[in-house]
Amino acid sequence: MALSSSFQERLEQMESTRNQRLSLLQAEKELQTSKSQMLASKLVNIRSMEQRCLVLVHKIAFQDFKILALKSEIESLDAKYDAYSQIFRVLKSEVEEMEEMEKEKERFYQVKGLDMKAFSENVDKFVKESRIQVKELRNRMNGVRISSSILIWLI
């Protein structure tokens, strides 16, 4: 049975349309596969970026922790500095008081030393004067003895 030429033509046209559609479908399938691979690649890149972000967030959190620890240490050192500064001021005040007391003591001993020196000089002067008086008295006594011996001889 021979198919009519118009039917044959129509069949060939349908076959050609079918082949074109299959080609288009194949091209669409390849395009979809390419897009799917591209999306998968982008998804891998996104996950990689997310991992890097998580690592950075972790590093930032660790740095924040270190900053807080250092701030705490600084506050502790500031408190110690303030305490030691107060102790230093108290000790400095005590040292100044002791130095002033030492100066007063030195002035006191200096005055007492001068008093003792003056007293010693007065004692030396008194001793000299007393010796002179004793000598004069001895001389007078000797003079009186001699006079009394002469008188005794004369009588």
C-alpha atoms as a PDB file:
ATOM      1  CA  MET A   1       0.000   0.000   0.000  1.00  0.00           C
ATOM      2  CA  ALA A   2       1.427   3.052  -1.054  1.00  0.00           C
ATOM      3  CA  LEU A   3       1.007   6.054   0.957  1.00  0.00           C
ATOM      4  CA  SER A   4      -0.047   9.122  -0.735  1.00  0.00           C
ATOM      5  CA  SER A   5       2.651  11.607  -1.429  1.00  0.00           C
ATOM      6  CA  SER A   6       0.988  14.298   0.643  1.00  0.00           C
ATOM      7  CA  PHE A   7       0.683  11.861   3.506  1.00  0.00           C
ATOM      8  CA  GLN A   8       4.292  10.862   2.957  1.00  0.00           C
ATOM      9  CA  GLU A   9       5.261  14.502   2.948  1.00  0.00           C
ATOM     10  CA  ARG A  10       3.244  15.087   6.030  1.00  0.00           C
ATOM     11  CA  LEU A  11       4.941  12.121   7.752  1.00  0.00           C
ATOM     12  CA  GLU A  12       8.369  13.412   6.763  1.00  0.00           C
ATOM     13  CA  GLN A  13       7.446  16.855   7.990  1.00  0.00           C
ATOM     14  CA  MET A  14       6.223  15.402  11.277  1.00  0.00           C
ATOM     15  CA  GLU A  15       9.407  13.291  11.493  1.00  0.00           C
ATOM     16  CA  SER A  16      11.476  16.382  10.797  1.00  0.00           C
ATOM     17  CA  THR A  17       9.523  18.375  13.408  1.00  0.00           C
ATOM     18  CA  ARG A  18       9.943  15.486  15.832  1.00  0.00           C
ATOM     19  CA  ASN A  19      13.685  15.377  15.184  1.00  0.00           C
ATOM     20  CA  GLN A  20      13.884  19.153  15.622  1.00  0.00           C
ATOM     21  CA  ARG A  21      11.959  18.901  18.879  1.00  0.00           C
ATOM     22  CA  LEU A  22      14.200  16.032  20.046  1.00  0.00           C
ATOM     23  CA  SER A  23      17.229  18.150  19.153  1.00  0.00           C
ATOM     24  CA  LEU A  24      15.749  21.080  21.042  1.00  0.00           C
ATOM     25  CA  LEU A  25      14.928  18.818  23.994  1.00  0.00           C
ATOM     26  CA  GLN A  26      18.457  17.387  23.908  1.00  0.00           C
ATOM     27  CA  ALA A  27      19.888  20.926  23.792  1.00  0.00           C
ATOM     28  CA  GLU A  28      17.559  21.944  26.629  1.00  0.00           C
ATOM     29  CA  LYS A  29      18.637  18.868  28.604  1.00  0.00           C
ATOM     30  CA  GLU A  30      22.317  19.729  28.048  1.00  0.00           C
ATOM     31  CA  LEU A  31      21.598  23.339  29.012  1.00  0.00           C
ATOM     32  CA  GLN A  32      19.797  22.177  32.172  1.00  0.00           C
ATOM     33  CA  THR A  33      22.699  19.820  32.976  1.00  0.00           C
ATOM     34  CA  SER A  34      25.141  22.690  32.464  1.00  0.00           C
ATOM     35  CA  LYS A  35      23.010  24.974  34.639  1.00  0.00           C
ATOM     36  CA  SER A  36      22.721  22.235  37.259  1.00  0.00           C
ATOM     37  CA  GLN A  37      26.513  21.775  37.290  1.00  0.00           C
ATOM     38  CA  MET A  38      26.978  25.531  37.490  1.00  0.00           C
ATOM     39  CA  LEU A  39      24.495  25.746  40.385  1.00  0.00           C
ATOM     40  CA  ALA A  40      26.212  22.825  42.122  1.00  0.00           C
ATOM     41  CA  SER A  41      29.553  24.607  41.699  1.00  0.00           C
ATOM     42  CA  LYS A  42      28.046  27.826  43.066  1.00  0.00           C
ATOM     43  CA  LEU A  43      26.550  25.870  45.968  1.00  0.00           C
ATOM     44  CA  VAL A  44      30.000  24.408  46.735  1.00  0.00           C
ATOM     45  CA  ASN A  45      31.444  27.942  46.594  1.00  0.00           C
ATOM     46  CA  ILE A  46      28.679  29.227  48.882  1.00  0.00           C
ATOM     47  CA  ARG A  47      29.310  26.411  51.383  1.00  0.00           C
ATOM     48  CA  SER A  48      33.036  27.154  51.227  1.00  0.00           C
ATOM     49  CA  MET A  49      32.299  30.841  51.884  1.00  0.00           C
ATOM     50  CA  GLU A  50      30.004  29.862  54.764  1.00  0.00           C
ATOM     51  CA  GLN A  51      32.830  27.764  56.244  1.00  0.00           C
ATOM     52  CA  ARG A  52      35.242  30.686  55.909  1.00  0.00           C
ATOM     53  CA  CYS A  53      32.647  32.967  57.521  1.00  0.00           C
ATOM     54  CA  LEU A  54      32.233  30.512  60.396  1.00  0.00           C
ATOM     55  CA  VAL A  55      36.015  30.375  60.834  1.00  0.00           C
ATOM     56  CA  LEU A  56      36.140  34.186  60.813  1.00  0.00           C
ATOM     57  CA  VAL A  57      33.252  34.391  63.294  1.00  0.00           C
ATOM     58  CA  HIS A  58      35.143  31.940  65.518  1.00  0.00           C
ATOM     59  CA  LYS A  59      38.333  33.996  65.205  1.00  0.00           C
ATOM     60  CA  ILE A  60      36.414  37.198  65.971  1.00  0.00           C
ATOM     61  CA  ALA A  61      34.817  35.583  69.029  1.00  0.00           C
ATOM     62  CA  PHE A  62      38.257  34.395  70.191  1.00  0.00           C
ATOM     63  CA  GLN A  63      39.720  37.884  69.651  1.00  0.00           C
ATOM     64  CA  ASP A  64      36.780  39.402  71.565  1.00  0.00           C
ATOM     65  CA  PHE A  65      37.483  36.955  74.398  1.00  0.00           C
ATOM     66  CA  LYS A  66      41.166  37.930  74.389  1.00  0.00           C
ATOM     67  CA  ILE A  67      40.216  41.626  74.374  1.00  0.00           C
ATOM     68  CA  LEU A  68      37.896  41.127  77.349  1.00  0.00           C
ATOM     69  CA  ALA A  69      40.597  39.172  79.180  1.00  0.00           C
ATOM     70  CA  LEU A  70      43.133  41.943  78.508  1.00  0.00           C
ATOM     71  CA  LYS A  71      40.651  44.621  79.602  1.00  0.00           C
ATOM     72  CA  SER A  72      40.075  42.679  82.802  1.00  0.00           C
ATOM     73  CA  GLU A  73      43.828  42.381  83.332  1.00  0.00           C
ATOM     74  CA  ILE A  74      44.253  46.120  82.688  1.00  0.00           C
ATOM     75  CA  GLU A  75      41.520  46.924  85.222  1.00  0.00           C
ATOM     76  CA  SER A  76      43.181  44.604  87.732  1.00  0.00           C
ATOM     77  CA  LEU A  77      46.562  46.242  87.132  1.00  0.00           C
ATOM     78  CA  ASP A  78      44.971  49.699  87.433  1.00  0.00           C
ATOM     79  CA  ALA A  79      43.466  48.693  90.780  1.00  0.00           C
ATOM     80  CA  LYS A  80      46.842  47.348  91.956  1.00  0.00           C
ATOM     81  CA  TYR A  81      48.540  50.524  90.720  1.00  0.00           C
ATOM     82  CA  ASP A  82      46.052  52.664  92.649  1.00  0.00           C
ATOM     83  CA  ALA A  83      46.546  50.558  95.791  1.00  0.00           C
ATOM     84  CA  TYR A  84      50.335  50.680  95.495  1.00  0.00           C
ATOM     85  CA  SER A  85      50.186  54.412  94.770  1.00  0.00           C
ATOM     86  CA  GLN A  86      48.218  54.920  97.973  1.00  0.00           C
ATOM     87  CA  ILE A  87      50.712  52.793  99.915  1.00  0.00           C
ATOM     88  CA  PHE A  88      53.560  54.751  98.315  1.00  0.00           C
ATOM     89  CA  ARG A  89      51.962  58.080  99.306  1.00  0.00           C
ATOM     90  CA  VAL A  90      51.480  56.869 102.893  1.00  0.00           C
ATOM     91  CA  LEU A  91      55.065  55.599 103.082  1.00  0.00           C
ATOM     92  CA  LYS A  92      56.380  58.783 101.496  1.00  0.00           C
ATOM     93  CA  SER A  93      54.475  60.825 104.072  1.00  0.00           C
ATOM     94  CA  GLU A  94      55.887  58.645 106.867  1.00  0.00           C
ATOM     95  CA  VAL A  95      59.412  59.022 105.458  1.00  0.00           C
ATOM     96  CA  GLU A  96      58.974  62.797 105.289  1.00  0.00           C
ATOM     97  CA  GLU A  97      57.748  62.806 108.898  1.00  0.00           C
ATOM     98  CA  MET A  98      60.711  60.659 109.959  1.00  0.00           C
ATOM     99  CA  GLU A  99      63.122  62.920 108.076  1.00  0.00           C
ATOM    100  CA  GLU A 100      61.594  65.938 109.817  1.00  0.00           C
ATOM    101  CA  MET A 101      61.884  64.159 113.169  1.00  0.00           C
ATOM    102  CA  GLU A 102      65.511  63.296 112.339  1.00  0.00           C
ATOM    103  CA  LYS A 103      66.184  66.963 111.542  1.00  0.00           C
ATOM    104  CA  GLU A 104      64.533  67.999 114.815  1.00  0.00           C
ATOM    105  CA  LYS A 105      66.600  65.391 116.667  1.00  0.00           C
ATOM    106  CA  GLU A 106      69.781  66.657 114.983  1.00  0.00           C
ATOM    107  CA  ARG A 107      68.861  70.252 115.929  1.00  0.00           C
ATOM    108  CA  PHE A 108      68.114  69.110 119.494  1.00  0.00           C
ATOM    109  CA  TYR A 109      71.458  67.296 119.743  1.00  0.00           C
ATOM    110  CA  GLN A 110      73.195  70.237 118.151  1.00  0.00           C
ATOM    111  CA  VAL A 111      71.657  72.588 120.734  1.00  0.00           C
ATOM    112  CA  LYS A 112      72.436  70.137 123.534  1.00  0.00           C
ATOM    113  CA  GLY A 113      75.963  69.737 122.150  1.00  0.00           C
ATOM    114  CA  LEU A 114      76.392  73.514 122.199  1.00  0.00           C
ATOM    115  CA  ASP A 115      74.953  73.601 125.727  1.00  0.00           C
ATOM    116  CA  MET A 116      77.363  70.843 126.797  1.00  0.00           C
ATOM    117  CA  LYS A 117      80.253  72.635 125.124  1.00  0.00           C
ATOM    118  CA  ALA A 118      79.314  75.876 126.886  1.00  0.00           C
ATOM    119  CA  PHE A 119      78.922  73.943 130.144  1.00  0.00           C
ATOM    120  CA  SER A 120      82.289  72.272 129.593  1.00  0.00           C
ATOM    121  CA  GLU A 121      83.866  75.636 128.849  1.00  0.00           C
ATOM    122  CA  ASN A 122      82.253  77.057 131.996  1.00  0.00           C
ATOM    123  CA  VAL A 123      83.530  74.069 133.988  1.00  0.00           C
ATOM    124  CA  ASP A 124      87.023  74.539 132.528  1.00  0.00           C
ATOM    125  CA  LYS A 125      86.840  78.244 133.307  1.00  0.00           C
ATOM    126  CA  PHE A 126      85.564  77.484 136.821  1.00  0.00           C
ATOM    127  CA  VAL A 127      88.340  74.897 137.308  1.00  0.00           C
ATOM    128  CA  LYS A 128      90.955  77.405 136.156  1.00  0.00           C
ATOM    129  CA  GLU A 129      89.511  80.132 138.354  1.00  0.00           C
ATOM    130  CA  SER A 130      89.261  77.710 141.268  1.00  0.00           C
ATOM    131  CA  ARG A 131      92.869  76.621 140.783  1.00  0.00           C
ATOM    132  CA  ILE A 132      93.919  80.242 140.650  1.00  0.00           C
ATOM    133  CA  GLN A 133      91.930  80.937 143.831  1.00  0.00           C
ATOM    134  CA  VAL A 134      93.373  77.807 145.474  1.00  0.00           C
ATOM    135  CA  LYS A 135      96.845  78.929 144.452  1.00  0.00           C
ATOM    136  CA  GLU A 136      96.178  82.408 145.777  1.00  0.00           C
ATOM    137  CA  LEU A 137      94.796  80.966 149.001  1.00  0.00           C
ATOM    138  CA  ARG A 138      97.830  78.699 149.362  1.00  0.00           C
ATOM    139  CA  ASN A 139     100.072  81.625 148.699  1.00  0.00           C
ATOM    140  CA  ARG A 140      98.180  83.654 151.293  1.00  0.00           C
ATOM    141  CA  MET A 141      98.273  80.735 153.697  1.00  0.00           C
ATOM    142  CA  ASN A 142     101.962  80.378 153.117  1.00  0.00           C
ATOM    143  CA  GLY A 143     102.264  84.113 153.676  1.00  0.00           C
ATOM    144  CA  VAL A 144     100.204  83.801 156.853  1.00  0.00           C
ATOM    145  CA  ARG A 145     102.303  80.810 158.028  1.00  0.00           C
ATOM    146  CA  ILE A 146     105.457  82.659 157.350  1.00  0.00           C
ATOM    147  CA  SER A 147     104.057  85.706 159.156  1.00  0.00           C
ATOM    148  CA  SER A 148     102.871  83.569 162.034  1.00  0.00           C
ATOM    149  CA  SER A 149     106.240  81.756 162.178  1.00  0.00           C
ATOM    150  CA  ILE A 150     107.990  85.056 162.187  1.00  0.00           C
ATOM    151  CA  LEU A 151     105.674  86.208 164.903  1.00  0.00           C
ATOM    152  CA  ILE A 152     106.273  83.033 166.807  1.00  0.00           C
ATOM    153  CA  TRP A 153     110.001  83.599 166.429  1.00  0.00           C
ATOM    154  CA  LEU A 154     109.629  87.068 167.498  1.00  0.00           C
ATOM    155  CA  ILE A 155     107.715  86.317 170.559  1.00  0.00           C
END
